[in-house]
Amino acid sequence: MKLKAHGIETNLPTGWEGRIGVRTTPLATSSTIGDPNEIPHPIVHLANFALPEDRGDFGSGAVDIMNDQHVFVSLFEYGPECANTALFSRQGIPTKLTPNMFSASALQRTLPGQAGCQIFFTAGNRAFCLYTVVGKQSAAARVLPGANATLSATRINPR
């Protein structure tokens, strides 16, 4: 399945689902924290399971329904002022995630057995955070090849 929007495109393998969009209103489940004048940027969600429609930027709502064989990927874009800064100095989409990069302490919200990985980078002169969650840390070696293939098939074009 091919996805293309907001200068981002990917070709999903069989069994994967994804969305590329810009959230224009806060989620019903989220608090109203943040700057009301903030300009929303694209968010990409990719997973090897059915994504619920109501998801937070970093996967709340989706990670809650994951099982041991699931992996969730979020590509969250930051503002253009962040591109190529120290935090976002890594160039290109990370495509070689390994089990040792994952930890329960990297999760936004700890759920039993899950582990996460967060990597900041610049691609196409655009700043992103790659946030990935595996449904069970001990299954990471089995599910990460699919995530890596999906990330390898993803392109971020300059604006």
C-alpha atoms as a PDB file:
ATOM      1  CA  MET A   1       0.000   0.000   0.000  1.00  0.00           C
ATOM      2  CA  LYS A   2       1.426   3.377  -1.014  1.00  0.00           C
ATOM      3  CA  LEU A   3       0.912   6.443   1.184  1.00  0.00           C
ATOM      4  CA  LYS A   4       1.806   9.958   0.073  1.00  0.00           C
ATOM      5  CA  ALA A   5       0.960  13.292   1.701  1.00  0.00           C
ATOM      6  CA  HIS A   6       2.643  16.471   2.974  1.00  0.00           C
ATOM      7  CA  GLY A   7       5.909  15.678   1.170  1.00  0.00           C
ATOM      8  CA  ILE A   8       6.217  12.273   2.841  1.00  0.00           C
ATOM      9  CA  GLU A   9       5.718   8.972   1.089  1.00  0.00           C
ATOM     10  CA  THR A  10       6.068   5.301   1.926  1.00  0.00           C
ATOM     11  CA  ASN A  11       5.230   1.931   0.501  1.00  0.00           C
ATOM     12  CA  LEU A  12       3.876  -0.336   3.228  1.00  0.00           C
ATOM     13  CA  PRO A  13       4.571  -4.067   3.247  1.00  0.00           C
ATOM     14  CA  THR A  14       1.715  -6.558   3.432  1.00  0.00           C
ATOM     15  CA  GLY A  15       0.149  -6.557   6.885  1.00  0.00           C
ATOM     16  CA  TRP A  16       1.109  -2.967   7.629  1.00  0.00           C
ATOM     17  CA  GLU A  17      -1.172   0.016   7.989  1.00  0.00           C
ATOM     18  CA  GLY A  18      -0.366   3.707   8.042  1.00  0.00           C
ATOM     19  CA  ARG A  19      -1.591   7.278   8.045  1.00  0.00           C
ATOM     20  CA  ILE A  20       0.049  10.572   7.130  1.00  0.00           C
ATOM     21  CA  GLY A  21      -1.796  13.603   8.380  1.00  0.00           C
ATOM     22  CA  VAL A  22      -1.827  16.887  10.213  1.00  0.00           C
ATOM     23  CA  ARG A  23      -3.806  17.063  13.416  1.00  0.00           C
ATOM     24  CA  THR A  24      -5.646  20.379  13.408  1.00  0.00           C
ATOM     25  CA  THR A  25      -7.534  19.975  16.682  1.00  0.00           C
ATOM     26  CA  PRO A  26      -6.551  18.462  20.027  1.00  0.00           C
ATOM     27  CA  LEU A  27      -7.647  14.906  20.679  1.00  0.00           C
ATOM     28  CA  ALA A  28     -10.691  14.533  22.893  1.00  0.00           C
ATOM     29  CA  THR A  29      -8.513  12.528  25.279  1.00  0.00           C
ATOM     30  CA  SER A  30      -5.690  15.079  25.437  1.00  0.00           C
ATOM     31  CA  SER A  31      -5.346  18.048  27.696  1.00  0.00           C
ATOM     32  CA  THR A  32      -5.165  21.538  26.254  1.00  0.00           C
ATOM     33  CA  ILE A  33      -1.470  22.022  26.915  1.00  0.00           C
ATOM     34  CA  GLY A  34       0.584  23.999  24.453  1.00  0.00           C
ATOM     35  CA  ASP A  35       0.610  27.166  22.455  1.00  0.00           C
ATOM     36  CA  PRO A  36      -2.739  27.920  20.792  1.00  0.00           C
ATOM     37  CA  ASN A  37      -0.792  29.631  17.970  1.00  0.00           C
ATOM     38  CA  GLU A  38       1.312  26.545  17.264  1.00  0.00           C
ATOM     39  CA  ILE A  39       1.466  25.542  13.604  1.00  0.00           C
ATOM     40  CA  PRO A  40       0.706  21.829  13.276  1.00  0.00           C
ATOM     41  CA  HIS A  41       3.112  19.706  11.243  1.00  0.00           C
ATOM     42  CA  PRO A  42       2.691  16.279   9.647  1.00  0.00           C
ATOM     43  CA  ILE A  43       2.649  13.115  11.708  1.00  0.00           C
ATOM     44  CA  VAL A  44       3.183   9.665  10.222  1.00  0.00           C
ATOM     45  CA  HIS A  45       1.864   6.565  11.990  1.00  0.00           C
ATOM     46  CA  LEU A  46       2.863   3.117  10.739  1.00  0.00           C
ATOM     47  CA  ALA A  47       2.081  -0.232  12.367  1.00  0.00           C
ATOM     48  CA  ASN A  48       1.875  -3.944  11.680  1.00  0.00           C
ATOM     49  CA  PHE A  49      -1.634  -3.976  13.198  1.00  0.00           C
ATOM     50  CA  ALA A  50      -4.897  -2.107  12.649  1.00  0.00           C
ATOM     51  CA  LEU A  51      -4.504   1.489  13.807  1.00  0.00           C
ATOM     52  CA  PRO A  52      -7.380   2.946  15.821  1.00  0.00           C
ATOM     53  CA  GLU A  53      -8.726   6.231  14.470  1.00  0.00           C
ATOM     54  CA  ASP A  54      -8.219   8.080  17.774  1.00  0.00           C
ATOM     55  CA  ARG A  55      -4.453   8.183  18.321  1.00  0.00           C
ATOM     56  CA  GLY A  56      -2.117  10.578  20.027  1.00  0.00           C
ATOM     57  CA  ASP A  57       0.901  12.008  18.227  1.00  0.00           C
ATOM     58  CA  PHE A  58       3.183   9.403  19.796  1.00  0.00           C
ATOM     59  CA  GLY A  59       0.734   6.528  19.629  1.00  0.00           C
ATOM     60  CA  SER A  60      -1.476   6.721  22.689  1.00  0.00           C
ATOM     61  CA  GLY A  61      -4.555   4.729  21.824  1.00  0.00           C
ATOM     62  CA  ALA A  62      -2.536   2.503  19.474  1.00  0.00           C
ATOM     63  CA  VAL A  63       0.132   1.215  21.854  1.00  0.00           C
ATOM     64  CA  ASP A  64      -2.632   0.320  24.319  1.00  0.00           C
ATOM     65  CA  ILE A  65      -3.931  -2.391  21.966  1.00  0.00           C
ATOM     66  CA  MET A  66      -0.573  -3.856  20.900  1.00  0.00           C
ATOM     67  CA  ASN A  67       0.296  -7.508  21.440  1.00  0.00           C
ATOM     68  CA  ASP A  68       3.688  -9.229  21.594  1.00  0.00           C
ATOM     69  CA  GLN A  69       4.129  -9.303  17.795  1.00  0.00           C
ATOM     70  CA  HIS A  70       3.240  -5.666  17.147  1.00  0.00           C
ATOM     71  CA  VAL A  71       5.379  -2.638  16.385  1.00  0.00           C
ATOM     72  CA  PHE A  72       4.262   0.990  16.135  1.00  0.00           C
ATOM     73  CA  VAL A  73       6.197   3.785  14.393  1.00  0.00           C
ATOM     74  CA  SER A  74       5.600   7.536  14.670  1.00  0.00           C
ATOM     75  CA  LEU A  75       7.430  10.134  12.614  1.00  0.00           C
ATOM     76  CA  PHE A  76       6.644  13.458  14.261  1.00  0.00           C
ATOM     77  CA  GLU A  77       7.723  16.619  12.440  1.00  0.00           C
ATOM     78  CA  TYR A  78       8.971  19.657  14.338  1.00  0.00           C
ATOM     79  CA  GLY A  79       9.157  23.220  13.045  1.00  0.00           C
ATOM     80  CA  PRO A  80      11.630  24.323  10.361  1.00  0.00           C
ATOM     81  CA  GLU A  81      13.663  26.198  12.963  1.00  0.00           C
ATOM     82  CA  CYS A  82      14.676  22.801  14.434  1.00  0.00           C
ATOM     83  CA  ALA A  83      16.161  21.300  11.258  1.00  0.00           C
ATOM     84  CA  ASN A  84      19.906  20.680  11.461  1.00  0.00           C
ATOM     85  CA  THR A  85      20.185  21.909  15.059  1.00  0.00           C
ATOM     86  CA  ALA A  86      22.253  19.879  17.529  1.00  0.00           C
ATOM     87  CA  LEU A  87      19.309  17.709  18.627  1.00  0.00           C
ATOM     88  CA  PHE A  88      18.346  17.020  15.005  1.00  0.00           C
ATOM     89  CA  SER A  89      21.918  16.724  13.646  1.00  0.00           C
ATOM     90  CA  ARG A  90      21.549  13.096  12.559  1.00  0.00           C
ATOM     91  CA  GLN A  91      20.910  13.074   8.788  1.00  0.00           C
ATOM     92  CA  GLY A  92      18.383  10.772   7.156  1.00  0.00           C
ATOM     93  CA  ILE A  93      15.615   8.495   8.365  1.00  0.00           C
ATOM     94  CA  PRO A  94      16.994   5.836  10.731  1.00  0.00           C
ATOM     95  CA  THR A  95      16.498   2.451   9.049  1.00  0.00           C
ATOM     96  CA  LYS A  96      18.565   0.087  11.166  1.00  0.00           C
ATOM     97  CA  LEU A  97      16.739  -0.210  14.474  1.00  0.00           C
ATOM     98  CA  THR A  98      18.131  -2.979  16.692  1.00  0.00           C
ATOM     99  CA  PRO A  99      16.736  -4.562  19.874  1.00  0.00           C
ATOM    100  CA  ASN A 100      19.461  -3.030  22.064  1.00  0.00           C
ATOM    101  CA  MET A 101      18.175   0.462  21.130  1.00  0.00           C
ATOM    102  CA  PHE A 102      14.880  -0.236  22.937  1.00  0.00           C
ATOM    103  CA  SER A 103      14.080   0.292  26.592  1.00  0.00           C
ATOM    104  CA  ALA A 104      11.006   0.585  28.786  1.00  0.00           C
ATOM    105  CA  SER A 105      12.446   3.896  30.032  1.00  0.00           C
ATOM    106  CA  ALA A 106      12.101   5.363  26.513  1.00  0.00           C
ATOM    107  CA  LEU A 107       8.315   4.958  26.547  1.00  0.00           C
ATOM    108  CA  GLN A 108       6.053   7.971  26.925  1.00  0.00           C
ATOM    109  CA  ARG A 109       3.875   5.809  29.145  1.00  0.00           C
ATOM    110  CA  THR A 110       5.105   2.508  30.533  1.00  0.00           C
ATOM    111  CA  LEU A 111       3.007  -0.516  29.579  1.00  0.00           C
ATOM    112  CA  PRO A 112       3.982  -4.036  30.724  1.00  0.00           C
ATOM    113  CA  GLY A 113       6.482  -5.723  28.405  1.00  0.00           C
ATOM    114  CA  GLN A 114       6.705  -2.856  25.921  1.00  0.00           C
ATOM    115  CA  ALA A 115       9.880  -0.990  24.995  1.00  0.00           C
ATOM    116  CA  GLY A 116      10.530   2.143  22.990  1.00  0.00           C
ATOM    117  CA  CYS A 117      13.197   3.961  21.036  1.00  0.00           C
ATOM    118  CA  GLN A 118      13.372   7.660  20.204  1.00  0.00           C
ATOM    119  CA  ILE A 119      15.712   9.143  17.584  1.00  0.00           C
ATOM    120  CA  PHE A 120      15.816  12.765  16.406  1.00  0.00           C
ATOM    121  CA  PHE A 121      16.983  13.467  12.854  1.00  0.00           C
ATOM    122  CA  THR A 122      16.784  15.795   9.845  1.00  0.00           C
ATOM    123  CA  ALA A 123      15.685  14.605   6.399  1.00  0.00           C
ATOM    124  CA  GLY A 124      14.840  16.787   3.421  1.00  0.00           C
ATOM    125  CA  ASN A 125      15.843  19.774   5.591  1.00  0.00           C
ATOM    126  CA  ARG A 126      12.941  18.868   7.921  1.00  0.00           C
ATOM    127  CA  ALA A 127      13.264  17.962  11.621  1.00  0.00           C
ATOM    128  CA  PHE A 128      11.663  14.748  12.904  1.00  0.00           C
ATOM    129  CA  CYS A 129      11.475  12.443  15.876  1.00  0.00           C
ATOM    130  CA  LEU A 130      11.244   8.736  15.112  1.00  0.00           C
ATOM    131  CA  TYR A 131       9.417   7.115  18.028  1.00  0.00           C
ATOM    132  CA  THR A 132       9.048   3.341  17.818  1.00  0.00           C
ATOM    133  CA  VAL A 133       7.361   0.954  20.262  1.00  0.00           C
ATOM    134  CA  VAL A 134       7.584  -2.837  20.285  1.00  0.00           C
ATOM    135  CA  GLY A 135       4.752  -4.783  21.906  1.00  0.00           C
ATOM    136  CA  LYS A 136       7.195  -6.978  23.803  1.00  0.00           C
ATOM    137  CA  GLN A 137      10.853  -6.196  24.269  1.00  0.00           C
ATOM    138  CA  SER A 138      11.852  -9.862  23.948  1.00  0.00           C
ATOM    139  CA  ALA A 139      10.141  -9.994  20.508  1.00  0.00           C
ATOM    140  CA  ALA A 140      12.029  -6.977  19.118  1.00  0.00           C
ATOM    141  CA  ALA A 141      14.379  -9.088  16.979  1.00  0.00           C
ATOM    142  CA  ARG A 142      11.347 -10.638  15.246  1.00  0.00           C
ATOM    143  CA  VAL A 143       9.368  -7.425  14.601  1.00  0.00           C
ATOM    144  CA  LEU A 144      12.079  -4.861  13.871  1.00  0.00           C
ATOM    145  CA  PRO A 145      12.948  -6.162  10.372  1.00  0.00           C
ATOM    146  CA  GLY A 146       9.435  -5.130   9.283  1.00  0.00           C
ATOM    147  CA  ALA A 147       9.830  -1.701  10.865  1.00  0.00           C
ATOM    148  CA  ASN A 148      13.239  -1.251   9.230  1.00  0.00           C
ATOM    149  CA  ALA A 149      11.863  -2.256   5.822  1.00  0.00           C
ATOM    150  CA  THR A 150       9.010   0.211   6.209  1.00  0.00           C
ATOM    151  CA  LEU A 151      11.369   3.011   7.251  1.00  0.00           C
ATOM    152  CA  SER A 152      13.679   2.173   4.324  1.00  0.00           C
ATOM    153  CA  ALA A 153      10.721   2.581   1.959  1.00  0.00           C
ATOM    154  CA  THR A 154       9.864   5.999   3.422  1.00  0.00           C
ATOM    155  CA  ARG A 155      10.937   9.257   1.777  1.00  0.00           C
ATOM    156  CA  ILE A 156      10.795  12.765   3.203  1.00  0.00           C
ATOM    157  CA  ASN A 157      10.967  15.459   0.552  1.00  0.00           C
ATOM    158  CA  PRO A 158      12.011  19.072   1.183  1.00  0.00           C
ATOM    159  CA  ARG A 159       9.138  21.534   1.557  1.00  0.00           C
END
